[in-house]
Structure formats: structure tokens, C-alpha cells
Amino acid sequence: MDNANRKLSVEDARERLCKYLSEQTGWKYLKSRRCLKKVINDLVFEIRFFRHNGIVLMKVLG
């Protein structure tokens, strides 16, 4: 199976996205906390990623 047709799990996709964002922004990816982190002097910035467990919202367009 080539890369174009390869399907990723949600967790794999999230991890790839976080690693990409980390490389592009220079922020550190903390896998155990599911966040990107940047420390500047005494300030700490974090972007956290959450997941929904089995909740799916649907909107019907008509």
C-alpha cells in the first residue's frame, strides 16, 4: 500500500500533526501531556490537545 492510500488512526494523525507543528514553530511537543510548550523567560505557554471519547455531533443540512 502506498503512502497516498494509507489510513491513519486518530491517535497517529494527532501525533503526526503535533510533531509537524513542533518542527515548524520550535515549540516542544510533550507526548505524555498532549501539548506543545514554549518557555520564554518566566512565562510558560502551552497548547493542549483534547479528544472526545465516542461523542459524535451530526448536523443535518437540508
PDB file of N, CA and C in Angstrom:
ATOM      1  N   MET A   1       0.850  -1.177   0.000  1.00  0.00           N
ATOM      2  CA  MET A   1       0.000   0.000   0.000  1.00  0.00           C
ATOM      3  C   MET A   1       0.895   1.240   0.000  1.00  0.00           C
ATOM      4  N   ASP A   2       0.660   2.154  -0.925  1.00  0.00           N
ATOM      5  CA  ASP A   2       1.482   3.353  -0.982  1.00  0.00           C
ATOM      6  C   ASP A   2       1.003   4.390   0.037  1.00  0.00           C
ATOM      7  N   ASN A   3       1.810   5.439   0.274  1.00  0.00           N
ATOM      8  CA  ASN A   3       1.500   6.436   1.284  1.00  0.00           C
ATOM      9  C   ASN A   3       0.218   7.202   1.004  1.00  0.00           C
ATOM     10  N   ALA A   4      -0.144   7.396  -0.255  1.00  0.00           N
ATOM     11  CA  ALA A   4      -1.343   8.156  -0.600  1.00  0.00           C
ATOM     12  C   ALA A   4      -2.614   7.444  -0.147  1.00  0.00           C
ATOM     13  N   ASN A   5      -2.606   6.110  -0.105  1.00  0.00           N
ATOM     14  CA  ASN A   5      -3.791   5.345   0.263  1.00  0.00           C
ATOM     15  C   ASN A   5      -3.753   4.829   1.695  1.00  0.00           C
ATOM     16  N   ARG A   6      -2.728   5.163   2.435  1.00  0.00           N
ATOM     17  CA  ARG A   6      -2.577   4.676   3.798  1.00  0.00           C
ATOM     18  C   ARG A   6      -3.488   5.451   4.747  1.00  0.00           C
ATOM     19  N   LYS A   7      -4.235   4.751   5.576  1.00  0.00           N
ATOM     20  CA  LYS A   7      -5.120   5.387   6.539  1.00  0.00           C
ATOM     21  C   LYS A   7      -4.452   5.389   7.909  1.00  0.00           C
ATOM     22  N   LEU A   8      -4.614   6.499   8.616  1.00  0.00           N
ATOM     23  CA  LEU A   8      -4.041   6.636   9.949  1.00  0.00           C
ATOM     24  C   LEU A   8      -5.140   6.562  10.995  1.00  0.00           C
ATOM     25  N   SER A   9      -4.790   6.078  12.159  1.00  0.00           N
ATOM     26  CA  SER A   9      -5.733   6.155  13.272  1.00  0.00           C
ATOM     27  C   SER A   9      -5.771   7.610  13.739  1.00  0.00           C
ATOM     28  N   VAL A  10      -6.767   7.938  14.512  1.00  0.00           N
ATOM     29  CA  VAL A  10      -6.885   9.302  15.034  1.00  0.00           C
ATOM     30  C   VAL A  10      -5.658   9.645  15.869  1.00  0.00           C
ATOM     31  N   GLU A  11      -5.221   8.708  16.679  1.00  0.00           N
ATOM     32  CA  GLU A  11      -4.056   8.947  17.543  1.00  0.00           C
ATOM     33  C   GLU A  11      -2.794   9.171  16.708  1.00  0.00           C
ATOM     34  N   ASP A  12      -2.591   8.372  15.659  1.00  0.00           N
ATOM     35  CA  ASP A  12      -1.431   8.557  14.779  1.00  0.00           C
ATOM     36  C   ASP A  12      -1.476   9.907  14.072  1.00  0.00           C
ATOM     37  N   ALA A  13      -2.653  10.288  13.612  1.00  0.00           N
ATOM     38  CA  ALA A  13      -2.801  11.570  12.925  1.00  0.00           C
ATOM     39  C   ALA A  13      -2.516  12.727  13.880  1.00  0.00           C
ATOM     40  N   ARG A  14      -3.026  12.645  15.101  1.00  0.00           N
ATOM     41  CA  ARG A  14      -2.785  13.689  16.103  1.00  0.00           C
ATOM     42  C   ARG A  14      -1.292  13.808  16.407  1.00  0.00           C
ATOM     43  N   GLU A  15      -0.630  12.672  16.572  1.00  0.00           N
ATOM     44  CA  GLU A  15       0.791  12.698  16.891  1.00  0.00           C
ATOM     45  C   GLU A  15       1.607  13.292  15.743  1.00  0.00           C
ATOM     46  N   ARG A  16       1.270  12.924  14.508  1.00  0.00           N
ATOM     47  CA  ARG A  16       1.974  13.480  13.343  1.00  0.00           C
ATOM     48  C   ARG A  16       1.763  14.992  13.245  1.00  0.00           C
ATOM     49  N   LEU A  17       0.535  15.430  13.492  1.00  0.00           N
ATOM     50  CA  LEU A  17       0.237  16.855  13.451  1.00  0.00           C
ATOM     51  C   LEU A  17       1.030  17.605  14.517  1.00  0.00           C
ATOM     52  N   CYS A  18       1.061  17.076  15.721  1.00  0.00           N
ATOM     53  CA  CYS A  18       1.788  17.739  16.809  1.00  0.00           C
ATOM     54  C   CYS A  18       3.282  17.801  16.523  1.00  0.00           C
ATOM     55  N   LYS A  19       3.841  16.725  15.988  1.00  0.00           N
ATOM     56  CA  LYS A  19       5.263  16.728  15.643  1.00  0.00           C
ATOM     57  C   LYS A  19       5.554  17.743  14.539  1.00  0.00           C
ATOM     58  N   TYR A  20       4.651  17.833  13.549  1.00  0.00           N
ATOM     59  CA  TYR A  20       4.817  18.804  12.470  1.00  0.00           C
ATOM     60  C   TYR A  20       4.768  20.230  13.022  1.00  0.00           C
ATOM     61  N   LEU A  21       3.775  20.503  13.857  1.00  0.00           N
ATOM     62  CA  LEU A  21       3.667  21.833  14.448  1.00  0.00           C
ATOM     63  C   LEU A  21       4.884  22.170  15.304  1.00  0.00           C
ATOM     64  N   SER A  22       5.393  21.188  16.009  1.00  0.00           N
ATOM     65  CA  SER A  22       6.583  21.390  16.833  1.00  0.00           C
ATOM     66  C   SER A  22       7.790  21.760  15.975  1.00  0.00           C
ATOM     67  N   GLU A  23       7.964  21.055  14.879  1.00  0.00           N
ATOM     68  CA  GLU A  23       9.082  21.341  13.978  1.00  0.00           C
ATOM     69  C   GLU A  23       8.954  22.726  13.348  1.00  0.00           C
ATOM     70  N   GLN A  24       7.734  23.106  12.970  1.00  0.00           N
ATOM     71  CA  GLN A  24       7.513  24.379  12.290  1.00  0.00           C
ATOM     72  C   GLN A  24       7.589  25.581  13.229  1.00  0.00           C
ATOM     73  N   THR A  25       7.154  25.406  14.486  1.00  0.00           N
ATOM     74  CA  THR A  25       7.079  26.533  15.415  1.00  0.00           C
ATOM     75  C   THR A  25       8.257  26.625  16.376  1.00  0.00           C
ATOM     76  N   GLY A  26       8.954  25.499  16.568  1.00  0.00           N
ATOM     77  CA  GLY A  26      10.040  25.491  17.542  1.00  0.00           C
ATOM     78  C   GLY A  26       9.559  25.221  18.961  1.00  0.00           C
ATOM     79  N   TRP A  27       8.270  24.956  19.127  1.00  0.00           N
ATOM     80  CA  TRP A  27       7.738  24.617  20.429  1.00  0.00           C
ATOM     81  C   TRP A  27       8.023  23.142  20.702  1.00  0.00           C
ATOM     82  N   LYS A  28       8.153  22.788  21.975  1.00  0.00           N
ATOM     83  CA  LYS A  28       8.449  21.412  22.351  1.00  0.00           C
ATOM     84  C   LYS A  28       7.152  20.618  22.470  1.00  0.00           C
ATOM     85  N   TYR A  29       7.103  19.428  21.852  1.00  0.00           N
ATOM     86  CA  TYR A  29       5.938  18.559  21.930  1.00  0.00           C
ATOM     87  C   TYR A  29       6.106  17.613  23.113  1.00  0.00           C
ATOM     88  N   LEU A  30       5.175  17.668  24.060  1.00  0.00           N
ATOM     89  CA  LEU A  30       5.186  16.780  25.216  1.00  0.00           C
ATOM     90  C   LEU A  30       4.104  15.723  25.016  1.00  0.00           C
ATOM     91  N   LYS A  31       4.510  14.555  24.564  1.00  0.00           N
ATOM     92  CA  LYS A  31       3.559  13.497  24.219  1.00  0.00           C
ATOM     93  C   LYS A  31       2.741  13.055  25.428  1.00  0.00           C
ATOM     94  N   SER A  32       3.356  12.944  26.590  1.00  0.00           N
ATOM     95  CA  SER A  32       2.648  12.472  27.774  1.00  0.00           C
ATOM     96  C   SER A  32       1.555  13.441  28.213  1.00  0.00           C
ATOM     97  N   ARG A  33       1.722  14.735  27.929  1.00  0.00           N
ATOM     98  CA  ARG A  33       0.724  15.739  28.310  1.00  0.00           C
ATOM     99  C   ARG A  33      -0.123  16.184  27.135  1.00  0.00           C
ATOM    100  N   ARG A  34       0.159  15.657  25.940  1.00  0.00           N
ATOM    101  CA  ARG A  34      -0.547  16.031  24.708  1.00  0.00           C
ATOM    102  C   ARG A  34      -0.592  17.540  24.529  1.00  0.00           C
ATOM    103  N   CYS A  35       0.595  18.154  24.564  1.00  0.00           N
ATOM    104  CA  CYS A  35       0.612  19.598  24.393  1.00  0.00           C
ATOM    105  C   CYS A  35       1.899  20.062  23.725  1.00  0.00           C
ATOM    106  N   LEU A  36       1.840  21.269  23.185  1.00  0.00           N
ATOM    107  CA  LEU A  36       3.017  21.974  22.693  1.00  0.00           C
ATOM    108  C   LEU A  36       3.354  23.013  23.752  1.00  0.00           C
ATOM    109  N   LYS A  37       4.644  23.156  24.062  1.00  0.00           N
ATOM    110  CA  LYS A  37       5.041  24.032  25.160  1.00  0.00           C
ATOM    111  C   LYS A  37       6.192  24.934  24.732  1.00  0.00           C
ATOM    112  N   LYS A  38       6.112  26.182  25.174  1.00  0.00           N
ATOM    113  CA  LYS A  38       7.173  27.155  24.901  1.00  0.00           C
ATOM    114  C   LYS A  38       7.398  27.949  26.177  1.00  0.00           C
ATOM    115  N   VAL A  39       8.655  28.055  26.599  1.00  0.00           N
ATOM    116  CA  VAL A  39       9.013  28.826  27.784  1.00  0.00           C
ATOM    117  C   VAL A  39       9.842  30.017  27.334  1.00  0.00           C
ATOM    118  N   ILE A  40       9.399  31.213  27.731  1.00  0.00           N
ATOM    119  CA  ILE A  40      10.125  32.440  27.425  1.00  0.00           C
ATOM    120  C   ILE A  40      10.322  33.168  28.748  1.00  0.00           C
ATOM    121  N   ASN A  41      11.583  33.213  29.175  1.00  0.00           N
ATOM    122  CA  ASN A  41      11.921  33.780  30.488  1.00  0.00           C
ATOM    123  C   ASN A  41      11.087  33.107  31.566  1.00  0.00           C
ATOM    124  N   ASP A  42      10.206  33.836  32.247  1.00  0.00           N
ATOM    125  CA  ASP A  42       9.394  33.226  33.304  1.00  0.00           C
ATOM    126  C   ASP A  42       7.959  32.968  32.872  1.00  0.00           C
ATOM    127  N   LEU A  43       7.689  33.063  31.572  1.00  0.00           N
ATOM    128  CA  LEU A  43       6.361  32.771  31.038  1.00  0.00           C
ATOM    129  C   LEU A  43       6.341  31.388  30.397  1.00  0.00           C
ATOM    130  N   VAL A  44       5.273  30.643  30.637  1.00  0.00           N
ATOM    131  CA  VAL A  44       5.109  29.314  30.062  1.00  0.00           C
ATOM    132  C   VAL A  44       3.822  29.322  29.232  1.00  0.00           C
ATOM    133  N   PHE A  45       3.948  28.957  27.954  1.00  0.00           N
ATOM    134  CA  PHE A  45       2.803  28.860  27.058  1.00  0.00           C
ATOM    135  C   PHE A  45       2.586  27.397  26.717  1.00  0.00           C
ATOM    136  N   GLU A  46       1.338  26.954  26.764  1.00  0.00           N
ATOM    137  CA  GLU A  46       1.001  25.580  26.404  1.00  0.00           C
ATOM    138  C   GLU A  46      -0.229  25.571  25.508  1.00  0.00           C
ATOM    139  N   ILE A  47      -0.179  24.743  24.477  1.00  0.00           N
ATOM    140  CA  ILE A  47      -1.343  24.462  23.649  1.00  0.00           C
ATOM    141  C   ILE A  47      -1.668  22.993  23.881  1.00  0.00           C
ATOM    142  N   ARG A  48      -2.804  22.731  24.481  1.00  0.00           N
ATOM    143  CA  ARG A  48      -3.186  21.360  24.814  1.00  0.00           C
ATOM    144  C   ARG A  48      -4.191  20.819  23.812  1.00  0.00           C
ATOM    145  N   PHE A  49      -4.079  19.534  23.536  1.00  0.00           N
ATOM    146  CA  PHE A  49      -4.960  18.850  22.602  1.00  0.00           C
ATOM    147  C   PHE A  49      -5.800  17.836  23.366  1.00  0.00           C
ATOM    148  N   PHE A  50      -7.113  17.945  23.227  1.00  0.00           N
ATOM    149  CA  PHE A  50      -8.038  17.046  23.912  1.00  0.00           C
ATOM    150  C   PHE A  50      -8.732  16.167  22.886  1.00  0.00           C
ATOM    151  N   ARG A  51      -9.304  15.084  23.353  1.00  0.00           N
ATOM    152  CA  ARG A  51     -10.067  14.217  22.458  1.00  0.00           C
ATOM    153  C   ARG A  51     -11.414  13.908  23.090  1.00  0.00           C
ATOM    154  N   HIS A  52     -12.386  13.703  22.228  1.00  0.00           N
ATOM    155  CA  HIS A  52     -13.705  13.281  22.670  1.00  0.00           C
ATOM    156  C   HIS A  52     -13.731  11.769  22.656  1.00  0.00           C
ATOM    157  N   ASN A  53     -14.301  11.195  23.663  1.00  0.00           N
ATOM    158  CA  ASN A  53     -14.404   9.735  23.746  1.00  0.00           C
ATOM    159  C   ASN A  53     -15.791   9.281  23.303  1.00  0.00           C
ATOM    160  N   GLY A  54     -15.907   9.004  22.001  1.00  0.00           N
ATOM    161  CA  GLY A  54     -17.127   8.425  21.486  1.00  0.00           C
ATOM    162  C   GLY A  54     -18.279   9.392  21.270  1.00  0.00           C
ATOM    163  N   ILE A  55     -18.063  10.681  21.445  1.00  0.00           N
ATOM    164  CA  ILE A  55     -19.136  11.644  21.215  1.00  0.00           C
ATOM    165  C   ILE A  55     -19.040  12.149  19.788  1.00  0.00           C
ATOM    166  N   VAL A  56     -20.097  11.967  19.036  1.00  0.00           N
ATOM    167  CA  VAL A  56     -20.136  12.415  17.651  1.00  0.00           C
ATOM    168  C   VAL A  56     -21.325  13.347  17.488  1.00  0.00           C
ATOM    169  N   LEU A  57     -21.070  14.553  16.989  1.00  0.00           N
ATOM    170  CA  LEU A  57     -22.137  15.507  16.742  1.00  0.00           C
ATOM    171  C   LEU A  57     -22.404  15.545  15.250  1.00  0.00           C
ATOM    172  N   MET A  58     -23.657  15.470  14.890  1.00  0.00           N
ATOM    173  CA  MET A  58     -24.014  15.494  13.480  1.00  0.00           C
ATOM    174  C   MET A  58     -24.989  16.634  13.221  1.00  0.00           C
ATOM    175  N   LYS A  59     -24.855  17.260  12.070  1.00  0.00           N
ATOM    176  CA  LYS A  59     -25.761  18.319  11.660  1.00  0.00           C
ATOM    177  C   LYS A  59     -26.350  17.909  10.313  1.00  0.00           C
ATOM    178  N   VAL A  60     -27.656  17.939  10.243  1.00  0.00           N
ATOM    179  CA  VAL A  60     -28.334  17.584   9.006  1.00  0.00           C
ATOM    180  C   VAL A  60     -28.589  18.859   8.224  1.00  0.00           C
ATOM    181  N   LEU A  61     -28.070  18.895   7.014  1.00  0.00           N
ATOM    182  CA  LEU A  61     -28.295  20.044   6.126  1.00  0.00           C
ATOM    183  C   LEU A  61     -29.400  19.680   5.180  1.00  0.00           C
ATOM    184  N   GLY A  62     -30.384  20.586   5.018  1.00  0.00           N
ATOM    185  CA  GLY A  62     -31.486  20.235   4.138  1.00  0.00           C
ATOM    186  C   GLY A  62     -32.036  21.393   3.368  1.00  0.00           C
TER     187      GLY A  62
END
